[in-house]
Amino acid sequence: MSKKYKVSVVLMRGESGEYVVSSPTLDIATQGSTRDEALRQIKEAIEGVLEVGDEDTLHALPHAYSKDVQLGTVEVEVPSKRSVPTSR
């Protein structure tokens, strides 16, 4: 018998056009060349994680979905004495 779960994911477009999708609650991410491919990949990854899920993963499931998912952008300033690698 199988059980269905809803899991919130974050989908972003990368600098080189690929789609990156992650499940912050389950701490997994993947990518695809199209939106549909990326979503298909994360679905497979989530299913794989849940099939072999340990106690911590299964404990996170009730919190893996939210009707109120919000995504924002923040700007941060890093002191000049410390360099941060830039994307290529």
C-alpha atoms as a PDB file:
ATOM      1  CA  MET A   1       0.000   0.000   0.000  1.00  0.00           C
ATOM      2  CA  SER A   2       1.321   3.444  -0.855  1.00  0.00           C
ATOM      3  CA  LYS A   3       0.764   6.794   0.806  1.00  0.00           C
ATOM      4  CA  LYS A   4       0.726  10.184  -0.912  1.00  0.00           C
ATOM      5  CA  TYR A   5       2.500  13.227   0.478  1.00  0.00           C
ATOM      6  CA  LYS A   6       2.617  16.856  -0.607  1.00  0.00           C
ATOM      7  CA  VAL A   7       6.077  18.405  -0.449  1.00  0.00           C
ATOM      8  CA  SER A   8       6.798  22.087  -1.033  1.00  0.00           C
ATOM      9  CA  VAL A   9       9.609  22.800  -3.479  1.00  0.00           C
ATOM     10  CA  VAL A  10      11.426  25.903  -4.684  1.00  0.00           C
ATOM     11  CA  LEU A  11      12.001  26.291  -8.427  1.00  0.00           C
ATOM     12  CA  MET A  12      14.517  28.823  -9.747  1.00  0.00           C
ATOM     13  CA  ARG A  13      15.979  29.581 -13.148  1.00  0.00           C
ATOM     14  CA  GLY A  14      19.777  29.355 -13.146  1.00  0.00           C
ATOM     15  CA  GLU A  15      22.116  31.807 -14.834  1.00  0.00           C
ATOM     16  CA  SER A  16      22.763  29.464 -17.748  1.00  0.00           C
ATOM     17  CA  GLY A  17      19.060  28.764 -18.320  1.00  0.00           C
ATOM     18  CA  GLU A  18      18.707  25.516 -16.387  1.00  0.00           C
ATOM     19  CA  TYR A  19      16.002  25.073 -13.766  1.00  0.00           C
ATOM     20  CA  VAL A  20      17.104  24.286 -10.221  1.00  0.00           C
ATOM     21  CA  VAL A  21      14.522  22.847  -7.853  1.00  0.00           C
ATOM     22  CA  SER A  22      14.901  21.999  -4.184  1.00  0.00           C
ATOM     23  CA  SER A  23      12.994  20.765  -1.181  1.00  0.00           C
ATOM     24  CA  PRO A  24      14.434  22.722   1.745  1.00  0.00           C
ATOM     25  CA  THR A  25      12.595  20.598   4.312  1.00  0.00           C
ATOM     26  CA  LEU A  26      14.045  17.347   2.980  1.00  0.00           C
ATOM     27  CA  ASP A  27      17.399  18.996   2.127  1.00  0.00           C
ATOM     28  CA  ILE A  28      17.583  17.789  -1.489  1.00  0.00           C
ATOM     29  CA  ALA A  29      17.972  19.552  -4.821  1.00  0.00           C
ATOM     30  CA  THR A  30      18.247  18.725  -8.496  1.00  0.00           C
ATOM     31  CA  GLN A  31      18.042  20.447 -11.860  1.00  0.00           C
ATOM     32  CA  GLY A  32      16.762  20.050 -15.387  1.00  0.00           C
ATOM     33  CA  SER A  33      17.016  21.790 -18.721  1.00  0.00           C
ATOM     34  CA  THR A  34      13.268  22.524 -18.650  1.00  0.00           C
ATOM     35  CA  ARG A  35      10.809  23.306 -15.870  1.00  0.00           C
ATOM     36  CA  ASP A  36       8.998  20.000 -16.416  1.00  0.00           C
ATOM     37  CA  GLU A  37      12.241  18.028 -16.371  1.00  0.00           C
ATOM     38  CA  ALA A  38      13.363  19.691 -13.136  1.00  0.00           C
ATOM     39  CA  LEU A  39      10.023  18.964 -11.465  1.00  0.00           C
ATOM     40  CA  ARG A  40      10.130  15.363 -12.691  1.00  0.00           C
ATOM     41  CA  GLN A  41      13.672  15.022 -11.286  1.00  0.00           C
ATOM     42  CA  ILE A  42      12.753  16.408  -7.841  1.00  0.00           C
ATOM     43  CA  LYS A  43       9.699  14.156  -7.684  1.00  0.00           C
ATOM     44  CA  GLU A  44      11.909  11.119  -8.344  1.00  0.00           C
ATOM     45  CA  ALA A  45      14.464  12.342  -5.791  1.00  0.00           C
ATOM     46  CA  ILE A  46      11.788  12.866  -3.128  1.00  0.00           C
ATOM     47  CA  GLU A  47      10.305   9.424  -3.796  1.00  0.00           C
ATOM     48  CA  GLY A  48      13.781   7.893  -3.467  1.00  0.00           C
ATOM     49  CA  VAL A  49      14.482   9.698  -0.202  1.00  0.00           C
ATOM     50  CA  LEU A  50      11.141   8.612   1.250  1.00  0.00           C
ATOM     51  CA  GLU A  51      11.583   4.983   0.199  1.00  0.00           C
ATOM     52  CA  VAL A  52      14.763   4.706   2.252  1.00  0.00           C
ATOM     53  CA  GLY A  53      13.807   7.426   4.713  1.00  0.00           C
ATOM     54  CA  ASP A  54      15.324   7.409   8.140  1.00  0.00           C
ATOM     55  CA  GLU A  55      13.530   8.555  11.282  1.00  0.00           C
ATOM     56  CA  ASP A  56      14.531  12.229  10.804  1.00  0.00           C
ATOM     57  CA  THR A  57      13.277  12.305   7.215  1.00  0.00           C
ATOM     58  CA  LEU A  58       9.944  10.751   8.105  1.00  0.00           C
ATOM     59  CA  HIS A  59       9.620  13.111  11.072  1.00  0.00           C
ATOM     60  CA  ALA A  60      10.051  16.099   8.703  1.00  0.00           C
ATOM     61  CA  LEU A  61       7.205  15.031   6.404  1.00  0.00           C
ATOM     62  CA  PRO A  62       4.345  16.737   8.253  1.00  0.00           C
ATOM     63  CA  HIS A  63       6.288  20.000   7.819  1.00  0.00           C
ATOM     64  CA  ALA A  64       7.332  19.399   4.202  1.00  0.00           C
ATOM     65  CA  TYR A  65       4.254  21.100   2.741  1.00  0.00           C
ATOM     66  CA  SER A  66       2.835  24.529   3.330  1.00  0.00           C
ATOM     67  CA  LYS A  67      -0.047  26.314   1.625  1.00  0.00           C
ATOM     68  CA  ASP A  68       1.786  29.575   2.287  1.00  0.00           C
ATOM     69  CA  VAL A  69       5.151  29.239   0.576  1.00  0.00           C
ATOM     70  CA  GLN A  70       6.796  32.602   0.056  1.00  0.00           C
ATOM     71  CA  LEU A  71       9.954  33.316  -1.843  1.00  0.00           C
ATOM     72  CA  GLY A  72      11.844  36.543  -1.583  1.00  0.00           C
ATOM     73  CA  THR A  73      15.165  38.078  -2.448  1.00  0.00           C
ATOM     74  CA  VAL A  74      17.418  39.870  -0.006  1.00  0.00           C
ATOM     75  CA  GLU A  75      20.499  41.914  -0.691  1.00  0.00           C
ATOM     76  CA  VAL A  76      23.444  41.479   1.649  1.00  0.00           C
ATOM     77  CA  GLU A  77      26.694  43.348   1.989  1.00  0.00           C
ATOM     78  CA  VAL A  78      29.956  41.496   2.592  1.00  0.00           C
ATOM     79  CA  PRO A  79      32.929  43.372   4.041  1.00  0.00           C
ATOM     80  CA  SER A  80      35.606  43.943   1.418  1.00  0.00           C
ATOM     81  CA  LYS A  81      38.260  42.071   3.416  1.00  0.00           C
ATOM     82  CA  ARG A  82      36.418  38.864   2.606  1.00  0.00           C
ATOM     83  CA  SER A  83      35.754  37.791  -0.954  1.00  0.00           C
ATOM     84  CA  VAL A  84      32.778  35.771  -2.082  1.00  0.00           C
ATOM     85  CA  PRO A  85      33.098  33.651  -5.243  1.00  0.00           C
ATOM     86  CA  THR A  86      30.958  34.876  -8.130  1.00  0.00           C
ATOM     87  CA  SER A  87      29.010  32.743 -10.557  1.00  0.00           C
ATOM     88  CA  ARG A  88      30.537  32.186 -13.938  1.00  0.00           C
END
